Amino acid sequence: MHDSRIQKLLEFLEKDPQDPFLKYALATEYLNIGNHQNALRYFEDLTIQHTDYLGTYYHLGRLYEHLDRQDDALRTYQKGMEVAQAQHNAHALAELKGAYLSATGQDYEDD
C-alpha cells in the first residue's frame, strides 16, 4: 500500500516539483516504511527550499536522532523553534522545545 502511495506522490511531484506538501508527504511515507535515506533527502530539501514549512523540523530532528546525528538534530530543532516563533505558532514551538530539551537530556519542566 505504501508503494502505491509513494508512486502516486512521485507522479504528482513530477508535475509540480516545488510543492512542499508533496515533498513532506513523500518524506513521511518513506519514513513509515523505514527508508531513512529517501526520507532524509526530502526532509532536508524542505529545510533548504521551503524553510517556512514548519512540520519538517520536528520530524527531521527525530530522524537525525534515530540516525545518531545528535548535533544535526539539535540544530534542526533550534531552526524549527525560530520558524515557529516567526509564525507565532505556540503549539509547534512547544513541541520543538520539548524535543530539543529531551535531546539534550533535560525535561521540559526544567526550563
PDB file of N, CA and C in Angstrom:
ATOM      1  N   MET A   1       0.824  -1.192   0.000  1.00  0.00           N
ATOM      2  CA  MET A   1       0.000   0.000   0.000  1.00  0.00           C
ATOM      3  C   MET A   1       0.869   1.258   0.000  1.00  0.00           C
ATOM      4  N   HIS A   2       1.964   1.219   0.775  1.00  0.00           N
ATOM      5  CA  HIS A   2       2.849   2.379   0.802  1.00  0.00           C
ATOM      6  C   HIS A   2       3.448   2.640  -0.580  1.00  0.00           C
ATOM      7  N   ASP A   3       3.793   1.541  -1.274  1.00  0.00           N
ATOM      8  CA  ASP A   3       4.398   1.706  -2.595  1.00  0.00           C
ATOM      9  C   ASP A   3       3.468   2.424  -3.566  1.00  0.00           C
ATOM     10  N   SER A   4       2.179   2.104  -3.526  1.00  0.00           N
ATOM     11  CA  SER A   4       1.251   2.774  -4.435  1.00  0.00           C
ATOM     12  C   SER A   4       1.085   4.243  -4.066  1.00  0.00           C
ATOM     13  N   ARG A   5       1.089   4.549  -2.753  1.00  0.00           N
ATOM     14  CA  ARG A   5       1.000   5.962  -2.342  1.00  0.00           C
ATOM     15  C   ARG A   5       2.265   6.705  -2.751  1.00  0.00           C
ATOM     16  N   ILE A   6       3.405   6.069  -2.537  1.00  0.00           N
ATOM     17  CA  ILE A   6       4.665   6.706  -2.920  1.00  0.00           C
ATOM     18  C   ILE A   6       4.687   6.949  -4.425  1.00  0.00           C
ATOM     19  N   GLN A   7       4.289   5.970  -5.196  1.00  0.00           N
ATOM     20  CA  GLN A   7       4.269   6.120  -6.659  1.00  0.00           C
ATOM     21  C   GLN A   7       3.360   7.271  -7.077  1.00  0.00           C
ATOM     22  N   LYS A   8       2.190   7.357  -6.464  1.00  0.00           N
ATOM     23  CA  LYS A   8       1.254   8.426  -6.799  1.00  0.00           C
ATOM     24  C   LYS A   8       1.838   9.791  -6.421  1.00  0.00           C
ATOM     25  N   LEU A   9       2.451   9.869  -5.245  1.00  0.00           N
ATOM     26  CA  LEU A   9       3.069  11.129  -4.818  1.00  0.00           C
ATOM     27  C   LEU A   9       4.212  11.528  -5.751  1.00  0.00           C
ATOM     28  N   LEU A  10       5.001  10.559  -6.172  1.00  0.00           N
ATOM     29  CA  LEU A  10       6.086  10.852  -7.117  1.00  0.00           C
ATOM     30  C   LEU A  10       5.536  11.383  -8.442  1.00  0.00           C
ATOM     31  N   GLU A  11       4.415  10.822  -8.881  1.00  0.00           N
ATOM     32  CA  GLU A  11       3.777  11.319 -10.109  1.00  0.00           C
ATOM     33  C   GLU A  11       3.306  12.762  -9.939  1.00  0.00           C
ATOM     34  N   PHE A  12       2.694  13.044  -8.798  1.00  0.00           N
ATOM     35  CA  PHE A  12       2.255  14.413  -8.535  1.00  0.00           C
ATOM     36  C   PHE A  12       3.450  15.364  -8.469  1.00  0.00           C
ATOM     37  N   LEU A  13       4.527  14.910  -7.814  1.00  0.00           N
ATOM     38  CA  LEU A  13       5.712  15.754  -7.662  1.00  0.00           C
ATOM     39  C   LEU A  13       6.369  16.029  -9.009  1.00  0.00           C
ATOM     40  N   GLU A  14       6.295  15.071  -9.907  1.00  0.00           N
ATOM     41  CA  GLU A  14       6.844  15.281 -11.246  1.00  0.00           C
ATOM     42  C   GLU A  14       6.127  16.428 -11.953  1.00  0.00           C
ATOM     43  N   LYS A  15       4.833  16.545 -11.696  1.00  0.00           N
ATOM     44  CA  LYS A  15       4.037  17.618 -12.300  1.00  0.00           C
ATOM     45  C   LYS A  15       4.241  18.961 -11.597  1.00  0.00           C
ATOM     46  N   ASP A  16       4.544  18.900 -10.313  1.00  0.00           N
ATOM     47  CA  ASP A  16       4.720  20.117  -9.515  1.00  0.00           C
ATOM     48  C   ASP A  16       5.908  19.930  -8.568  1.00  0.00           C
ATOM     49  N   PRO A  17       7.139  20.009  -9.102  1.00  0.00           N
ATOM     50  CA  PRO A  17       8.336  19.657  -8.340  1.00  0.00           C
ATOM     51  C   PRO A  17       8.668  20.578  -7.155  1.00  0.00           C
ATOM     52  N   GLN A  18       7.988  21.689  -7.042  1.00  0.00           N
ATOM     53  CA  GLN A  18       8.279  22.589  -5.922  1.00  0.00           C
ATOM     54  C   GLN A  18       7.172  22.605  -4.859  1.00  0.00           C
ATOM     55  N   ASP A  19       6.283  21.646  -4.901  1.00  0.00           N
ATOM     56  CA  ASP A  19       5.191  21.595  -3.929  1.00  0.00           C
ATOM     57  C   ASP A  19       5.707  21.037  -2.603  1.00  0.00           C
ATOM     58  N   PRO A  20       5.763  21.867  -1.566  1.00  0.00           N
ATOM     59  CA  PRO A  20       6.315  21.396  -0.294  1.00  0.00           C
ATOM     60  C   PRO A  20       5.465  20.311   0.366  1.00  0.00           C
ATOM     61  N   PHE A  21       4.147  20.368   0.172  1.00  0.00           N
ATOM     62  CA  PHE A  21       3.314  19.333   0.774  1.00  0.00           C
ATOM     63  C   PHE A  21       3.643  17.959   0.198  1.00  0.00           C
ATOM     64  N   LEU A  22       3.864  17.889  -1.104  1.00  0.00           N
ATOM     65  CA  LEU A  22       4.201  16.613  -1.735  1.00  0.00           C
ATOM     66  C   LEU A  22       5.537  16.081  -1.229  1.00  0.00           C
ATOM     67  N   LYS A  23       6.498  16.971  -1.078  1.00  0.00           N
ATOM     68  CA  LYS A  23       7.802  16.562  -0.548  1.00  0.00           C
ATOM     69  C   LYS A  23       7.661  16.053   0.887  1.00  0.00           C
ATOM     70  N   TYR A  24       6.876  16.755   1.675  1.00  0.00           N
ATOM     71  CA  TYR A  24       6.653  16.352   3.063  1.00  0.00           C
ATOM     72  C   TYR A  24       5.929  15.004   3.119  1.00  0.00           C
ATOM     73  N   ALA A  25       4.929  14.828   2.280  1.00  0.00           N
ATOM     74  CA  ALA A  25       4.185  13.566   2.251  1.00  0.00           C
ATOM     75  C   ALA A  25       5.095  12.416   1.835  1.00  0.00           C
ATOM     76  N   LEU A  26       5.957  12.643   0.861  1.00  0.00           N
ATOM     77  CA  LEU A  26       6.902  11.608   0.451  1.00  0.00           C
ATOM     78  C   LEU A  26       7.877  11.270   1.571  1.00  0.00           C
ATOM     79  N   ALA A  27       8.403  12.285   2.214  1.00  0.00           N
ATOM     80  CA  ALA A  27       9.329  12.039   3.328  1.00  0.00           C
ATOM     81  C   ALA A  27       8.655  11.204   4.398  1.00  0.00           C
ATOM     82  N   THR A  28       7.424  11.523   4.714  1.00  0.00           N
ATOM     83  CA  THR A  28       6.679  10.795   5.733  1.00  0.00           C
ATOM     84  C   THR A  28       6.423   9.351   5.312  1.00  0.00           C
ATOM     85  N   GLU A  29       6.034   9.161   4.065  1.00  0.00           N
ATOM     86  CA  GLU A  29       5.807   7.798   3.566  1.00  0.00           C
ATOM     87  C   GLU A  29       7.092   6.973   3.622  1.00  0.00           C
ATOM     88  N   TYR A  30       8.184   7.566   3.180  1.00  0.00           N
ATOM     89  CA  TYR A  30       9.461   6.851   3.237  1.00  0.00           C
ATOM     90  C   TYR A  30       9.852   6.531   4.683  1.00  0.00           C
ATOM     91  N   LEU A  31       9.608   7.476   5.563  1.00  0.00           N
ATOM     92  CA  LEU A  31       9.909   7.249   6.976  1.00  0.00           C
ATOM     93  C   LEU A  31       9.074   6.090   7.515  1.00  0.00           C
ATOM     94  N   ASN A  32       7.815   6.031   7.134  1.00  0.00           N
ATOM     95  CA  ASN A  32       6.920   4.973   7.606  1.00  0.00           C
ATOM     96  C   ASN A  32       7.357   3.577   7.185  1.00  0.00           C
ATOM     97  N   ILE A  33       8.036   3.469   6.051  1.00  0.00           N
ATOM     98  CA  ILE A  33       8.491   2.146   5.609  1.00  0.00           C
ATOM     99  C   ILE A  33       9.956   1.891   5.967  1.00  0.00           C
ATOM    100  N   GLY A  34      10.559   2.817   6.713  1.00  0.00           N
ATOM    101  CA  GLY A  34      11.931   2.633   7.160  1.00  0.00           C
ATOM    102  C   GLY A  34      12.992   2.975   6.139  1.00  0.00           C
ATOM    103  N   ASN A  35      12.617   3.673   5.078  1.00  0.00           N
ATOM    104  CA  ASN A  35      13.575   4.111   4.076  1.00  0.00           C
ATOM    105  C   ASN A  35      14.096   5.480   4.512  1.00  0.00           C
ATOM    106  N   HIS A  36      15.052   5.443   5.429  1.00  0.00           N
ATOM    107  CA  HIS A  36      15.533   6.674   6.048  1.00  0.00           C
ATOM    108  C   HIS A  36      16.279   7.579   5.079  1.00  0.00           C
ATOM    109  N   GLN A  37      16.984   6.995   4.118  1.00  0.00           N
ATOM    110  CA  GLN A  37      17.742   7.817   3.178  1.00  0.00           C
ATOM    111  C   GLN A  37      16.828   8.676   2.315  1.00  0.00           C
ATOM    112  N   ASN A  38      15.774   8.099   1.783  1.00  0.00           N
ATOM    113  CA  ASN A  38      14.856   8.898   0.975  1.00  0.00           C
ATOM    114  C   ASN A  38      14.079   9.891   1.834  1.00  0.00           C
ATOM    115  N   ALA A  39      13.688   9.474   3.028  1.00  0.00           N
ATOM    116  CA  ALA A  39      13.010  10.401   3.939  1.00  0.00           C
ATOM    117  C   ALA A  39      13.922  11.591   4.235  1.00  0.00           C
ATOM    118  N   LEU A  40      15.165  11.301   4.532  1.00  0.00           N
ATOM    119  CA  LEU A  40      16.145  12.343   4.834  1.00  0.00           C
ATOM    120  C   LEU A  40      16.309  13.284   3.641  1.00  0.00           C
ATOM    121  N   ARG A  41      16.363  12.721   2.457  1.00  0.00           N
ATOM    122  CA  ARG A  41      16.529  13.535   1.250  1.00  0.00           C
ATOM    123  C   ARG A  41      15.401  14.557   1.101  1.00  0.00           C
ATOM    124  N   TYR A  42      14.163  14.110   1.287  1.00  0.00           N
ATOM    125  CA  TYR A  42      13.036  15.028   1.119  1.00  0.00           C
ATOM    126  C   TYR A  42      12.917  16.008   2.284  1.00  0.00           C
ATOM    127  N   PHE A  43      13.148  15.553   3.509  1.00  0.00           N
ATOM    128  CA  PHE A  43      13.102  16.472   4.644  1.00  0.00           C
ATOM    129  C   PHE A  43      14.183  17.546   4.521  1.00  0.00           C
ATOM    130  N   GLU A  44      15.398  17.134   4.168  1.00  0.00           N
ATOM    131  CA  GLU A  44      16.481  18.120   4.040  1.00  0.00           C
ATOM    132  C   GLU A  44      16.202  19.104   2.910  1.00  0.00           C
ATOM    133  N   ASP A  45      15.630  18.618   1.820  1.00  0.00           N
ATOM    134  CA  ASP A  45      15.255  19.515   0.725  1.00  0.00           C
ATOM    135  C   ASP A  45      14.269  20.572   1.225  1.00  0.00           C
ATOM    136  N   LEU A  46      13.322  20.146   2.036  1.00  0.00           N
ATOM    137  CA  LEU A  46      12.341  21.096   2.570  1.00  0.00           C
ATOM    138  C   LEU A  46      13.015  22.186   3.402  1.00  0.00           C
ATOM    139  N   THR A  47      14.026  21.818   4.193  1.00  0.00           N
ATOM    140  CA  THR A  47      14.686  22.826   5.043  1.00  0.00           C
ATOM    141  C   THR A  47      15.523  23.799   4.222  1.00  0.00           C
ATOM    142  N   ILE A  48      15.845  23.413   2.992  1.00  0.00           N
ATOM    143  CA  ILE A  48      16.627  24.289   2.111  1.00  0.00           C
ATOM    144  C   ILE A  48      15.713  25.091   1.185  1.00  0.00           C
ATOM    145  N   GLN A  49      14.769  24.420   0.554  1.00  0.00           N
ATOM    146  CA  GLN A  49      13.911  25.050  -0.450  1.00  0.00           C
ATOM    147  C   GLN A  49      12.646  25.689   0.115  1.00  0.00           C
ATOM    148  N   HIS A  50      12.201  25.207   1.270  1.00  0.00           N
ATOM    149  CA  HIS A  50      10.936  25.672   1.856  1.00  0.00           C
ATOM    150  C   HIS A  50      11.136  25.850   3.367  1.00  0.00           C
ATOM    151  N   THR A  51      11.957  26.808   3.723  1.00  0.00           N
ATOM    152  CA  THR A  51      12.364  26.974   5.122  1.00  0.00           C
ATOM    153  C   THR A  51      11.203  27.249   6.066  1.00  0.00           C
ATOM    154  N   ASP A  52      10.088  27.708   5.536  1.00  0.00           N
ATOM    155  CA  ASP A  52       8.948  28.040   6.386  1.00  0.00           C
ATOM    156  C   ASP A  52       7.971  26.877   6.553  1.00  0.00           C
ATOM    157  N   TYR A  53       8.287  25.703   5.989  1.00  0.00           N
ATOM    158  CA  TYR A  53       7.410  24.541   6.120  1.00  0.00           C
ATOM    159  C   TYR A  53       7.672  23.911   7.483  1.00  0.00           C
ATOM    160  N   LEU A  54       6.961  24.397   8.451  1.00  0.00           N
ATOM    161  CA  LEU A  54       7.245  24.154   9.865  1.00  0.00           C
ATOM    162  C   LEU A  54       7.223  22.686  10.280  1.00  0.00           C
ATOM    163  N   GLY A  55       6.322  21.898   9.739  1.00  0.00           N
ATOM    164  CA  GLY A  55       6.210  20.500  10.151  1.00  0.00           C
ATOM    165  C   GLY A  55       7.473  19.686   9.919  1.00  0.00           C
ATOM    166  N   THR A  56       8.312  20.156   9.040  1.00  0.00           N
ATOM    167  CA  THR A  56       9.543  19.450   8.696  1.00  0.00           C
ATOM    168  C   THR A  56      10.485  19.303   9.889  1.00  0.00           C
ATOM    169  N   TYR A  57      10.623  20.337  10.677  1.00  0.00           N
ATOM    170  CA  TYR A  57      11.705  20.411  11.646  1.00  0.00           C
ATOM    171  C   TYR A  57      11.604  19.360  12.756  1.00  0.00           C
ATOM    172  N   TYR A  58      10.433  19.122  13.250  1.00  0.00           N
ATOM    173  CA  TYR A  58      10.271  18.116  14.301  1.00  0.00           C
ATOM    174  C   TYR A  58      10.639  16.732  13.759  1.00  0.00           C
ATOM    175  N   HIS A  59      10.077  16.388  12.616  1.00  0.00           N
ATOM    176  CA  HIS A  59      10.293  15.045  12.074  1.00  0.00           C
ATOM    177  C   HIS A  59      11.731  14.833  11.605  1.00  0.00           C
ATOM    178  N   LEU A  60      12.328  15.854  11.016  1.00  0.00           N
ATOM    179  CA  LEU A  60      13.729  15.739  10.614  1.00  0.00           C
ATOM    180  C   LEU A  60      14.623  15.622  11.844  1.00  0.00           C
ATOM    181  N   GLY A  61      14.336  16.392  12.869  1.00  0.00           N
ATOM    182  CA  GLY A  61      15.115  16.287  14.103  1.00  0.00           C
ATOM    183  C   GLY A  61      15.047  14.891  14.699  1.00  0.00           C
ATOM    184  N   ARG A  62      13.846  14.330  14.731  1.00  0.00           N
ATOM    185  CA  ARG A  62      13.675  12.968  15.253  1.00  0.00           C
ATOM    186  C   ARG A  62      14.437  11.956  14.398  1.00  0.00           C
ATOM    187  N   LEU A  63      14.405  12.137  13.086  1.00  0.00           N
ATOM    188  CA  LEU A  63      15.131  11.238  12.204  1.00  0.00           C
ATOM    189  C   LEU A  63      16.630  11.349  12.449  1.00  0.00           C
ATOM    190  N   TYR A  64      17.127  12.566  12.581  1.00  0.00           N
ATOM    191  CA  TYR A  64      18.546  12.739  12.902  1.00  0.00           C
ATOM    192  C   TYR A  64      18.895  12.025  14.212  1.00  0.00           C
ATOM    193  N   GLU A  65      18.044  12.158  15.208  1.00  0.00           N
ATOM    194  CA  GLU A  65      18.303  11.452  16.465  1.00  0.00           C
ATOM    195  C   GLU A  65      18.370   9.948  16.224  1.00  0.00           C
ATOM    196  N   HIS A  66      17.429   9.428  15.465  1.00  0.00           N
ATOM    197  CA  HIS A  66      17.398   7.995  15.164  1.00  0.00           C
ATOM    198  C   HIS A  66      18.683   7.555  14.458  1.00  0.00           C
ATOM    199  N   LEU A  67      19.232   8.433  13.631  1.00  0.00           N
ATOM    200  CA  LEU A  67      20.452   8.141  12.883  1.00  0.00           C
ATOM    201  C   LEU A  67      21.717   8.489  13.666  1.00  0.00           C
ATOM    202  N   ASP A  68      21.554   8.805  14.952  1.00  0.00           N
ATOM    203  CA  ASP A  68      22.676   9.176  15.833  1.00  0.00           C
ATOM    204  C   ASP A  68      23.428  10.403  15.328  1.00  0.00           C
ATOM    205  N   ARG A  69      22.681  11.352  14.802  1.00  0.00           N
ATOM    206  CA  ARG A  69      23.247  12.627  14.356  1.00  0.00           C
ATOM    207  C   ARG A  69      22.730  13.721  15.291  1.00  0.00           C
ATOM    208  N   GLN A  70      23.180  13.641  16.531  1.00  0.00           N
ATOM    209  CA  GLN A  70      22.681  14.489  17.605  1.00  0.00           C
ATOM    210  C   GLN A  70      22.847  15.981  17.320  1.00  0.00           C
ATOM    211  N   ASP A  71      24.015  16.383  16.846  1.00  0.00           N
ATOM    212  CA  ASP A  71      24.239  17.806  16.572  1.00  0.00           C
ATOM    213  C   ASP A  71      23.292  18.323  15.494  1.00  0.00           C
ATOM    214  N   ASP A  72      23.071  17.515  14.454  1.00  0.00           N
ATOM    215  CA  ASP A  72      22.140  17.909  13.407  1.00  0.00           C
ATOM    216  C   ASP A  72      20.727  18.017  13.965  1.00  0.00           C
ATOM    217  N   ALA A  73      20.367  17.080  14.845  1.00  0.00           N
ATOM    218  CA  ALA A  73      19.031  17.114  15.454  1.00  0.00           C
ATOM    219  C   ALA A  73      18.840  18.398  16.248  1.00  0.00           C
ATOM    220  N   LEU A  74      19.822  18.755  17.054  1.00  0.00           N
ATOM    221  CA  LEU A  74      19.704  19.957  17.883  1.00  0.00           C
ATOM    222  C   LEU A  74      19.608  21.213  17.024  1.00  0.00           C
ATOM    223  N   ARG A  75      20.431  21.293  15.986  1.00  0.00           N
ATOM    224  CA  ARG A  75      20.365  22.454  15.079  1.00  0.00           C
ATOM    225  C   ARG A  75      19.002  22.528  14.390  1.00  0.00           C
ATOM    226  N   THR A  76      18.470  21.370  14.026  1.00  0.00           N
ATOM    227  CA  THR A  76      17.175  21.331  13.346  1.00  0.00           C
ATOM    228  C   THR A  76      16.064  21.785  14.280  1.00  0.00           C
ATOM    229  N   TYR A  77      16.078  21.316  15.514  1.00  0.00           N
ATOM    230  CA  TYR A  77      15.070  21.755  16.487  1.00  0.00           C
ATOM    231  C   TYR A  77      15.182  23.264  16.720  1.00  0.00           C
ATOM    232  N   GLN A  78      16.420  23.763  16.838  1.00  0.00           N
ATOM    233  CA  GLN A  78      16.606  25.199  17.062  1.00  0.00           C
ATOM    234  C   GLN A  78      16.059  26.014  15.897  1.00  0.00           C
ATOM    235  N   LYS A  79      16.367  25.600  14.672  1.00  0.00           N
ATOM    236  CA  LYS A  79      15.861  26.315  13.493  1.00  0.00           C
ATOM    237  C   LYS A  79      14.337  26.251  13.463  1.00  0.00           C
ATOM    238  N   GLY A  80      13.786  25.091  13.790  1.00  0.00           N
ATOM    239  CA  GLY A  80      12.333  24.943  13.834  1.00  0.00           C
ATOM    240  C   GLY A  80      11.701  25.871  14.852  1.00  0.00           C
ATOM    241  N   MET A  81      12.351  26.028  16.009  1.00  0.00           N
ATOM    242  CA  MET A  81      11.828  26.939  17.033  1.00  0.00           C
ATOM    243  C   MET A  81      11.819  28.373  16.516  1.00  0.00           C
ATOM    244  N   GLU A  82      12.849  28.746  15.767  1.00  0.00           N
ATOM    245  CA  GLU A  82      12.895  30.096  15.180  1.00  0.00           C
ATOM    246  C   GLU A  82      11.734  30.291  14.202  1.00  0.00           C
ATOM    247  N   VAL A  83      11.501  29.299  13.359  1.00  0.00           N
ATOM    248  CA  VAL A  83      10.416  29.389  12.380  1.00  0.00           C
ATOM    249  C   VAL A  83       9.069  29.445  13.095  1.00  0.00           C
ATOM    250  N   ALA A  84       8.896  28.625  14.121  1.00  0.00           N
ATOM    251  CA  ALA A  84       7.636  28.604  14.884  1.00  0.00           C
ATOM    252  C   ALA A  84       7.391  29.960  15.543  1.00  0.00           C
ATOM    253  N   GLN A  85       8.444  30.553  16.105  1.00  0.00           N
ATOM    254  CA  GLN A  85       8.288  31.876  16.724  1.00  0.00           C
ATOM    255  C   GLN A  85       7.898  32.912  15.680  1.00  0.00           C
ATOM    256  N   ALA A  86       8.551  32.868  14.530  1.00  0.00           N
ATOM    257  CA  ALA A  86       8.258  33.833  13.467  1.00  0.00           C
ATOM    258  C   ALA A  86       6.820  33.686  12.967  1.00  0.00           C
ATOM    259  N   GLN A  87       6.294  32.454  13.010  1.00  0.00           N
ATOM    260  CA  GLN A  87       4.928  32.205  12.554  1.00  0.00           C
ATOM    261  C   GLN A  87       3.910  32.310  13.688  1.00  0.00           C
ATOM    262  N   HIS A  88       4.387  32.632  14.881  1.00  0.00           N
ATOM    263  CA  HIS A  88       3.522  32.737  16.058  1.00  0.00           C
ATOM    264  C   HIS A  88       2.734  31.451  16.297  1.00  0.00           C
ATOM    265  N   ASN A  89       3.425  30.310  16.133  1.00  0.00           N
ATOM    266  CA  ASN A  89       2.800  29.007  16.293  1.00  0.00           C
ATOM    267  C   ASN A  89       3.252  28.416  17.631  1.00  0.00           C
ATOM    268  N   ALA A  90       2.488  28.691  18.669  1.00  0.00           N
ATOM    269  CA  ALA A  90       2.848  28.274  20.017  1.00  0.00           C
ATOM    270  C   ALA A  90       2.862  26.759  20.177  1.00  0.00           C
ATOM    271  N   HIS A  91       1.945  26.076  19.527  1.00  0.00           N
ATOM    272  CA  HIS A  91       1.883  24.616  19.646  1.00  0.00           C
ATOM    273  C   HIS A  91       3.149  23.967  19.068  1.00  0.00           C
ATOM    274  N   ALA A  92       3.526  24.366  17.861  1.00  0.00           N
ATOM    275  CA  ALA A  92       4.737  23.815  17.239  1.00  0.00           C
ATOM    276  C   ALA A  92       5.967  24.203  18.040  1.00  0.00           C
ATOM    277  N   LEU A  93       5.999  25.421  18.536  1.00  0.00           N
ATOM    278  CA  LEU A  93       7.125  25.866  19.350  1.00  0.00           C
ATOM    279  C   LEU A  93       7.274  24.988  20.589  1.00  0.00           C
ATOM    280  N   ALA A  94       6.176  24.687  21.246  1.00  0.00           N
ATOM    281  CA  ALA A  94       6.232  23.844  22.446  1.00  0.00           C
ATOM    282  C   ALA A  94       6.710  22.428  22.098  1.00  0.00           C
ATOM    283  N   GLU A  95       6.235  21.883  20.998  1.00  0.00           N
ATOM    284  CA  GLU A  95       6.672  20.549  20.573  1.00  0.00           C
ATOM    285  C   GLU A  95       8.160  20.524  20.278  1.00  0.00           C
ATOM    286  N   LEU A  96       8.623  21.509  19.549  1.00  0.00           N
ATOM    287  CA  LEU A  96      10.038  21.569  19.194  1.00  0.00           C
ATOM    288  C   LEU A  96      10.911  21.809  20.423  1.00  0.00           C
ATOM    289  N   LYS A  97      10.445  22.650  21.314  1.00  0.00           N
ATOM    290  CA  LYS A  97      11.201  22.917  22.536  1.00  0.00           C
ATOM    291  C   LYS A  97      11.286  21.649  23.381  1.00  0.00           C
ATOM    292  N   GLY A  98      10.189  20.928  23.478  1.00  0.00           N
ATOM    293  CA  GLY A  98      10.186  19.670  24.221  1.00  0.00           C
ATOM    294  C   GLY A  98      11.143  18.664  23.611  1.00  0.00           C
ATOM    295  N   ALA A  99      11.147  18.557  22.283  1.00  0.00           N
ATOM    296  CA  ALA A  99      12.053  17.629  21.603  1.00  0.00           C
ATOM    297  C   ALA A  99      13.507  18.046  21.808  1.00  0.00           C
ATOM    298  N   TYR A 100      13.761  19.352  21.727  1.00  0.00           N
ATOM    299  CA  TYR A 100      15.115  19.862  21.931  1.00  0.00           C
ATOM    300  C   TYR A 100      15.606  19.546  23.347  1.00  0.00           C
ATOM    301  N   LEU A 101      14.772  19.862  24.321  1.00  0.00           N
ATOM    302  CA  LEU A 101      15.173  19.612  25.704  1.00  0.00           C
ATOM    303  C   LEU A 101      15.363  18.125  25.970  1.00  0.00           C
ATOM    304  N   SER A 102      14.501  17.300  25.420  1.00  0.00           N
ATOM    305  CA  SER A 102      14.640  15.859  25.571  1.00  0.00           C
ATOM    306  C   SER A 102      15.947  15.375  24.942  1.00  0.00           C
ATOM    307  N   ALA A 103      16.280  15.908  23.778  1.00  0.00           N
ATOM    308  CA  ALA A 103      17.507  15.512  23.084  1.00  0.00           C
ATOM    309  C   ALA A 103      18.755  15.939  23.844  1.00  0.00           C
ATOM    310  N   THR A 104      18.627  16.986  24.662  1.00  0.00           N
ATOM    311  CA  THR A 104      19.774  17.434  25.453  1.00  0.00           C
ATOM    312  C   THR A 104      19.772  16.828  26.855  1.00  0.00           C
ATOM    313  N   GLY A 105      18.793  15.960  27.116  1.00  0.00           N
ATOM    314  CA  GLY A 105      18.733  15.290  28.416  1.00  0.00           C
ATOM    315  C   GLY A 105      18.024  16.089  29.489  1.00  0.00           C
ATOM    316  N   GLN A 106      17.315  17.115  29.101  1.00  0.00           N
ATOM    317  CA  GLN A 106      16.588  17.959  30.058  1.00  0.00           C
ATOM    318  C   GLN A 106      15.111  17.639  29.957  1.00  0.00           C
ATOM    319  N   ASP A 107      14.394  17.918  31.019  1.00  0.00           N
ATOM    320  CA  ASP A 107      12.944  17.803  30.983  1.00  0.00           C
ATOM    321  C   ASP A 107      12.364  19.143  30.631  1.00  0.00           C
ATOM    322  N   TYR A 108      11.220  19.118  29.952  1.00  0.00           N
ATOM    323  CA  TYR A 108      10.540  20.357  29.556  1.00  0.00           C
ATOM    324  C   TYR A 108      10.220  21.202  30.776  1.00  0.00           C
ATOM    325  N   GLU A 109       9.871  20.548  31.883  1.00  0.00           N
ATOM    326  CA  GLU A 109       9.501  21.272  33.097  1.00  0.00           C
ATOM    327  C   GLU A 109      10.709  21.928  33.779  1.00  0.00           C
ATOM    328  N   ASP A 110      11.935  21.501  33.406  1.00  0.00           N
ATOM    329  CA  ASP A 110      13.137  22.068  33.997  1.00  0.00           C
ATOM    330  C   ASP A 110      13.414  23.480  33.519  1.00  0.00           C
ATOM    331  N   ASP A 111      12.777  23.902  32.473  1.00  0.00           N
ATOM    332  CA  ASP A 111      13.034  25.188  31.845  1.00  0.00           C
ATOM    333  C   ASP A 111      12.791  26.335  32.788  1.00  0.00           C
TER     334      ASP A 111
END
